[in-house]
């Protein structure tokens, strides 16, 4: 769990896949969370399962509800902002290796 309350449930990683081609997780964002601007080292694809999530990609907001999807390149600056009821998303990182980088400062629950 991140310091802001975002939780990650790992669904596919190098250990379960037997390789580092892709990682898949379920992220649960608390209500009205804001990740702040950042970049990822890989392509990041979000598919919203529940709630509302705004992805601000290179300064341009993309509003997503259930069923909404967006991919963010490693060269993009992104900010993840959840709605008043939070959001649950499926996230795909390709290639893999991003889980360790993202969660390096998170608490294990």
N, C-alpha and C. Protein backbone atom coordinates (compact mmCIF):
# COMPACT_ATOMS: atom_id res chain seq x y z
N UNK A 1 0.84 -1.18 0.00
CA UNK A 1 0.00 0.00 0.00
C UNK A 1 0.89 1.25 0.00
N UNK A 2 0.52 2.20 -0.83
CA UNK A 2 1.29 3.44 -0.89
C UNK A 2 0.98 4.32 0.31
N UNK A 3 1.79 5.34 0.52
CA UNK A 3 1.54 6.26 1.63
C UNK A 3 0.22 7.01 1.44
N UNK A 4 -0.26 7.13 0.20
CA UNK A 4 -1.52 7.80 -0.07
C UNK A 4 -2.72 6.87 0.00
N UNK A 5 -2.48 5.57 0.27
CA UNK A 5 -3.58 4.63 0.43
C UNK A 5 -3.92 3.79 -0.79
N UNK A 6 -3.17 3.95 -1.88
CA UNK A 6 -3.40 3.11 -3.05
C UNK A 6 -2.87 1.71 -2.79
N UNK A 7 -3.69 0.71 -3.11
CA UNK A 7 -3.31 -0.69 -2.88
C UNK A 7 -3.10 -1.40 -4.22
N UNK A 8 -2.11 -2.28 -4.27
CA UNK A 8 -1.81 -3.07 -5.46
C UNK A 8 -1.93 -4.55 -5.13
N UNK A 9 -2.72 -5.25 -5.94
CA UNK A 9 -2.78 -6.70 -5.88
C UNK A 9 -2.14 -7.22 -7.15
N UNK A 10 -1.02 -7.90 -7.02
CA UNK A 10 -0.27 -8.41 -8.17
C UNK A 10 -0.99 -9.63 -8.73
N UNK A 11 -1.28 -9.59 -10.04
CA UNK A 11 -1.96 -10.69 -10.71
C UNK A 11 -0.99 -11.51 -11.56
N UNK A 12 -0.07 -10.83 -12.25
CA UNK A 12 0.95 -11.49 -13.07
C UNK A 12 2.26 -10.75 -12.87
N UNK A 13 3.31 -11.48 -12.52
CA UNK A 13 4.65 -10.90 -12.42
C UNK A 13 5.65 -11.89 -12.99
N UNK A 14 6.92 -11.55 -12.93
CA UNK A 14 7.95 -12.40 -13.51
C UNK A 14 7.94 -13.80 -12.91
N UNK A 15 7.66 -13.88 -11.62
CA UNK A 15 7.65 -15.18 -10.95
C UNK A 15 6.51 -16.07 -11.47
N UNK A 16 5.31 -15.51 -11.58
CA UNK A 16 4.17 -16.32 -12.03
C UNK A 16 4.19 -16.56 -13.54
N UNK A 17 4.76 -15.63 -14.30
CA UNK A 17 4.81 -15.74 -15.75
C UNK A 17 6.00 -16.58 -16.22
N UNK A 18 7.08 -16.51 -15.45
CA UNK A 18 8.31 -17.19 -15.86
C UNK A 18 9.12 -16.33 -16.82
N UNK A 19 8.83 -15.04 -16.85
CA UNK A 19 9.55 -14.10 -17.71
C UNK A 19 9.12 -12.69 -17.38
N UNK A 20 9.78 -11.73 -17.98
CA UNK A 20 9.56 -10.33 -17.64
C UNK A 20 8.89 -9.55 -18.78
N UNK A 21 8.11 -10.24 -19.62
CA UNK A 21 7.49 -9.57 -20.75
C UNK A 21 6.38 -8.60 -20.36
N UNK A 22 5.67 -8.92 -19.27
CA UNK A 22 4.52 -8.10 -18.87
C UNK A 22 4.25 -8.31 -17.37
N UNK A 23 3.65 -7.31 -16.75
CA UNK A 23 3.15 -7.42 -15.39
C UNK A 23 1.72 -6.90 -15.38
N UNK A 24 0.86 -7.52 -14.57
CA UNK A 24 -0.54 -7.11 -14.48
C UNK A 24 -0.89 -7.00 -13.01
N UNK A 25 -1.59 -5.94 -12.67
CA UNK A 25 -2.02 -5.75 -11.29
C UNK A 25 -3.39 -5.11 -11.22
N UNK A 26 -3.97 -5.19 -10.04
CA UNK A 26 -5.21 -4.50 -9.75
C UNK A 26 -4.87 -3.40 -8.76
N UNK A 27 -5.09 -2.17 -9.16
CA UNK A 27 -4.83 -1.02 -8.29
C UNK A 27 -6.16 -0.50 -7.76
N UNK A 28 -6.21 -0.24 -6.46
CA UNK A 28 -7.38 0.36 -5.84
C UNK A 28 -6.96 1.72 -5.29
N UNK A 29 -7.53 2.77 -5.88
CA UNK A 29 -7.24 4.14 -5.46
C UNK A 29 -8.30 4.61 -4.47
N UNK A 30 -7.90 5.21 -3.36
CA UNK A 30 -8.89 5.77 -2.42
C UNK A 30 -9.58 6.98 -3.05
N UNK A 31 -10.65 7.42 -2.42
CA UNK A 31 -11.40 8.59 -2.89
C UNK A 31 -10.50 9.81 -3.01
N UNK A 32 -10.67 10.52 -4.11
CA UNK A 32 -9.99 11.80 -4.35
C UNK A 32 -8.48 11.73 -4.21
N UNK A 33 -7.88 10.64 -4.62
CA UNK A 33 -6.42 10.53 -4.55
C UNK A 33 -5.78 11.21 -5.76
N UNK A 34 -4.53 11.59 -5.61
CA UNK A 34 -3.77 12.27 -6.66
C UNK A 34 -2.33 11.80 -6.57
N UNK A 35 -1.86 11.13 -7.60
CA UNK A 35 -0.52 10.55 -7.58
C UNK A 35 0.59 11.58 -7.73
N UNK A 36 0.25 12.77 -8.21
CA UNK A 36 1.28 13.73 -8.57
C UNK A 36 1.89 13.35 -9.92
N UNK A 37 2.52 14.31 -10.56
CA UNK A 37 3.13 14.06 -11.87
C UNK A 37 4.31 13.11 -11.75
N UNK A 38 4.38 12.17 -12.67
CA UNK A 38 5.49 11.22 -12.70
C UNK A 38 5.58 10.54 -14.07
N UNK A 39 6.61 9.75 -14.24
CA UNK A 39 6.80 8.95 -15.46
C UNK A 39 7.06 7.51 -15.04
N UNK A 40 6.77 6.61 -15.96
CA UNK A 40 7.09 5.20 -15.76
C UNK A 40 8.16 4.80 -16.78
N UNK A 41 8.88 3.75 -16.47
CA UNK A 41 9.97 3.29 -17.35
C UNK A 41 9.45 2.43 -18.49
N UNK A 42 8.16 2.10 -18.47
CA UNK A 42 7.56 1.20 -19.46
C UNK A 42 6.19 1.76 -19.88
N UNK A 43 5.56 1.11 -20.86
CA UNK A 43 4.20 1.47 -21.22
C UNK A 43 3.25 0.97 -20.14
N UNK A 44 2.32 1.84 -19.75
CA UNK A 44 1.37 1.54 -18.68
C UNK A 44 -0.04 1.66 -19.27
N UNK A 45 -0.83 0.60 -19.17
CA UNK A 45 -2.20 0.61 -19.68
C UNK A 45 -3.17 0.43 -18.52
N UNK A 46 -4.15 1.32 -18.43
CA UNK A 46 -5.16 1.27 -17.38
C UNK A 46 -6.51 0.92 -17.98
N UNK A 47 -7.23 -0.02 -17.35
CA UNK A 47 -8.60 -0.36 -17.68
C UNK A 47 -9.41 -0.19 -16.41
N UNK A 48 -10.36 0.73 -16.41
CA UNK A 48 -11.13 1.03 -15.20
C UNK A 48 -12.20 -0.04 -14.99
N UNK A 49 -12.17 -0.65 -13.81
CA UNK A 49 -13.14 -1.66 -13.42
C UNK A 49 -14.31 -1.03 -12.67
N UNK A 50 -14.00 -0.10 -11.76
CA UNK A 50 -15.01 0.56 -10.92
C UNK A 50 -14.58 1.99 -10.66
N UNK A 51 -15.55 2.87 -10.47
CA UNK A 51 -15.27 4.25 -10.08
C UNK A 51 -14.86 5.13 -11.24
N UNK A 52 -14.25 6.25 -10.90
CA UNK A 52 -13.83 7.25 -11.88
C UNK A 52 -12.35 7.53 -11.69
N UNK A 53 -11.64 7.64 -12.82
CA UNK A 53 -10.22 7.94 -12.78
C UNK A 53 -9.91 8.94 -13.88
N UNK A 54 -9.23 10.00 -13.51
CA UNK A 54 -8.75 10.95 -14.51
C UNK A 54 -7.26 10.73 -14.68
N UNK A 55 -6.85 10.50 -15.90
CA UNK A 55 -5.43 10.39 -16.23
C UNK A 55 -5.04 11.70 -16.89
N UNK A 56 -4.11 12.41 -16.32
CA UNK A 56 -3.62 13.64 -16.93
C UNK A 56 -2.31 13.26 -17.62
N UNK A 57 -2.38 13.19 -18.94
CA UNK A 57 -1.24 12.74 -19.75
C UNK A 57 -0.67 13.94 -20.48
N UNK A 58 0.56 14.28 -20.15
CA UNK A 58 1.23 15.45 -20.75
C UNK A 58 0.36 16.70 -20.64
N UNK A 59 -0.29 16.85 -19.48
CA UNK A 59 -1.09 18.03 -19.20
C UNK A 59 -2.52 17.98 -19.72
N UNK A 60 -2.89 16.91 -20.44
CA UNK A 60 -4.24 16.80 -21.00
C UNK A 60 -5.04 15.76 -20.23
N UNK A 61 -6.17 16.18 -19.61
CA UNK A 61 -6.97 15.23 -18.83
C UNK A 61 -7.75 14.26 -19.71
N UNK A 62 -7.79 13.00 -19.27
CA UNK A 62 -8.58 11.96 -19.90
C UNK A 62 -9.45 11.36 -18.80
N UNK A 63 -10.77 11.60 -18.87
CA UNK A 63 -11.70 11.09 -17.86
C UNK A 63 -12.13 9.68 -18.23
N UNK A 64 -12.02 8.77 -17.26
CA UNK A 64 -12.36 7.37 -17.49
C UNK A 64 -13.33 6.87 -16.44
N UNK A 65 -14.34 6.16 -16.89
CA UNK A 65 -15.26 5.46 -16.01
C UNK A 65 -15.13 3.98 -16.28
N UNK A 66 -16.00 3.16 -15.69
CA UNK A 66 -15.93 1.72 -15.90
C UNK A 66 -15.91 1.36 -17.39
N UNK A 67 -14.95 0.53 -17.76
CA UNK A 67 -14.77 0.14 -19.15
C UNK A 67 -13.84 1.04 -19.93
N UNK A 68 -13.45 2.18 -19.35
CA UNK A 68 -12.54 3.10 -20.01
C UNK A 68 -11.11 2.58 -19.98
N UNK A 69 -10.37 2.87 -21.04
CA UNK A 69 -9.00 2.38 -21.14
C UNK A 69 -8.10 3.46 -21.72
N UNK A 70 -6.86 3.50 -21.25
CA UNK A 70 -5.87 4.43 -21.78
C UNK A 70 -4.49 3.80 -21.62
N UNK A 71 -3.62 4.03 -22.61
CA UNK A 71 -2.22 3.60 -22.52
C UNK A 71 -1.34 4.83 -22.44
N UNK A 72 -0.30 4.72 -21.62
CA UNK A 72 0.61 5.83 -21.37
C UNK A 72 2.02 5.35 -21.69
N UNK A 73 2.69 6.05 -22.58
CA UNK A 73 4.06 5.67 -22.98
C UNK A 73 5.06 6.05 -21.89
N UNK A 74 6.21 5.43 -21.95
CA UNK A 74 7.26 5.72 -20.98
C UNK A 74 7.77 7.16 -21.10
N UNK A 75 7.58 7.79 -22.25
CA UNK A 75 8.02 9.17 -22.45
C UNK A 75 6.99 10.19 -21.97
N UNK A 76 5.78 9.72 -21.62
CA UNK A 76 4.70 10.62 -21.17
C UNK A 76 4.82 10.95 -19.69
N UNK A 77 4.43 12.16 -19.36
CA UNK A 77 4.25 12.52 -17.95
C UNK A 77 2.79 12.26 -17.61
N UNK A 78 2.55 11.63 -16.48
CA UNK A 78 1.19 11.23 -16.12
C UNK A 78 0.89 11.58 -14.67
N UNK A 79 -0.39 11.74 -14.41
CA UNK A 79 -0.91 11.97 -13.05
C UNK A 79 -2.22 11.20 -12.96
N UNK A 80 -2.38 10.37 -11.93
CA UNK A 80 -3.59 9.58 -11.73
C UNK A 80 -4.43 10.24 -10.64
N UNK A 81 -5.69 10.59 -10.95
CA UNK A 81 -6.57 11.25 -9.99
C UNK A 81 -7.89 10.50 -9.93
N UNK A 82 -8.23 9.99 -8.75
CA UNK A 82 -9.49 9.25 -8.61
C UNK A 82 -10.64 10.18 -8.24
N UNK A 83 -11.85 9.68 -8.47
CA UNK A 83 -13.04 10.44 -8.17
C UNK A 83 -13.45 10.32 -6.71
N UNK A 84 -14.63 10.84 -6.35
CA UNK A 84 -15.07 10.87 -4.96
C UNK A 84 -15.33 9.50 -4.35
N UNK A 85 -15.50 8.49 -5.17
CA UNK A 85 -15.69 7.13 -4.66
C UNK A 85 -14.47 6.24 -4.89
N UNK A 86 -13.35 6.85 -5.28
CA UNK A 86 -12.15 6.09 -5.57
C UNK A 86 -12.27 5.39 -6.91
N UNK A 87 -11.37 4.46 -7.16
CA UNK A 87 -11.38 3.72 -8.42
C UNK A 87 -10.63 2.41 -8.25
N UNK A 88 -11.08 1.40 -8.99
CA UNK A 88 -10.37 0.13 -9.07
C UNK A 88 -10.04 -0.08 -10.54
N UNK A 89 -8.77 -0.35 -10.84
CA UNK A 89 -8.34 -0.49 -12.23
C UNK A 89 -7.46 -1.72 -12.40
N UNK A 90 -7.47 -2.23 -13.61
CA UNK A 90 -6.52 -3.23 -14.03
C UNK A 90 -5.40 -2.47 -14.69
N UNK A 91 -4.16 -2.70 -14.27
CA UNK A 91 -3.02 -2.02 -14.87
C UNK A 91 -2.10 -3.07 -15.48
N UNK A 92 -1.64 -2.77 -16.68
CA UNK A 92 -0.72 -3.65 -17.40
C UNK A 92 0.54 -2.86 -17.68
N UNK A 93 1.68 -3.38 -17.24
CA UNK A 93 2.97 -2.76 -17.52
C UNK A 93 3.72 -3.65 -18.49
N UNK A 94 4.18 -3.07 -19.60
CA UNK A 94 4.92 -3.84 -20.59
C UNK A 94 6.11 -3.04 -21.09
N UNK A 95 7.31 -3.63 -21.06
CA UNK A 95 7.61 -4.90 -20.42
C UNK A 95 7.48 -4.80 -18.91
N UNK A 96 7.69 -5.93 -18.24
CA UNK A 96 7.60 -5.99 -16.79
C UNK A 96 8.76 -5.30 -16.11
N UNK A 97 8.78 -5.40 -14.78
CA UNK A 97 9.82 -4.78 -13.98
C UNK A 97 9.34 -3.54 -13.24
N UNK A 98 8.14 -3.09 -13.55
CA UNK A 98 7.65 -1.85 -12.97
C UNK A 98 7.09 -2.04 -11.57
N UNK A 99 6.61 -3.22 -11.24
CA UNK A 99 6.05 -3.44 -9.90
C UNK A 99 7.08 -3.14 -8.82
N UNK A 100 8.27 -3.65 -8.97
CA UNK A 100 9.31 -3.39 -7.96
C UNK A 100 9.64 -1.91 -7.86
N UNK A 101 9.71 -1.23 -9.00
CA UNK A 101 10.04 0.20 -8.99
C UNK A 101 8.92 1.01 -8.34
N UNK A 102 7.69 0.71 -8.71
CA UNK A 102 6.54 1.45 -8.18
C UNK A 102 6.38 1.26 -6.68
N UNK A 103 6.56 0.04 -6.22
CA UNK A 103 6.28 -0.28 -4.82
C UNK A 103 7.49 -0.22 -3.90
N UNK A 104 8.61 0.24 -4.39
CA UNK A 104 9.84 0.27 -3.60
C UNK A 104 9.66 0.98 -2.24
N UNK A 105 8.79 1.97 -2.20
CA UNK A 105 8.60 2.71 -0.93
C UNK A 105 7.26 2.43 -0.29
N UNK A 106 6.51 1.48 -0.84
CA UNK A 106 5.20 1.15 -0.30
C UNK A 106 5.31 0.22 0.88
N UNK A 107 4.28 0.18 1.72
CA UNK A 107 4.21 -0.74 2.85
C UNK A 107 3.61 -2.06 2.37
N UNK A 108 4.10 -3.16 2.90
CA UNK A 108 3.53 -4.48 2.58
C UNK A 108 2.43 -4.75 3.58
N UNK A 109 1.26 -5.18 3.07
CA UNK A 109 0.12 -5.50 3.94
C UNK A 109 -0.12 -6.97 3.93
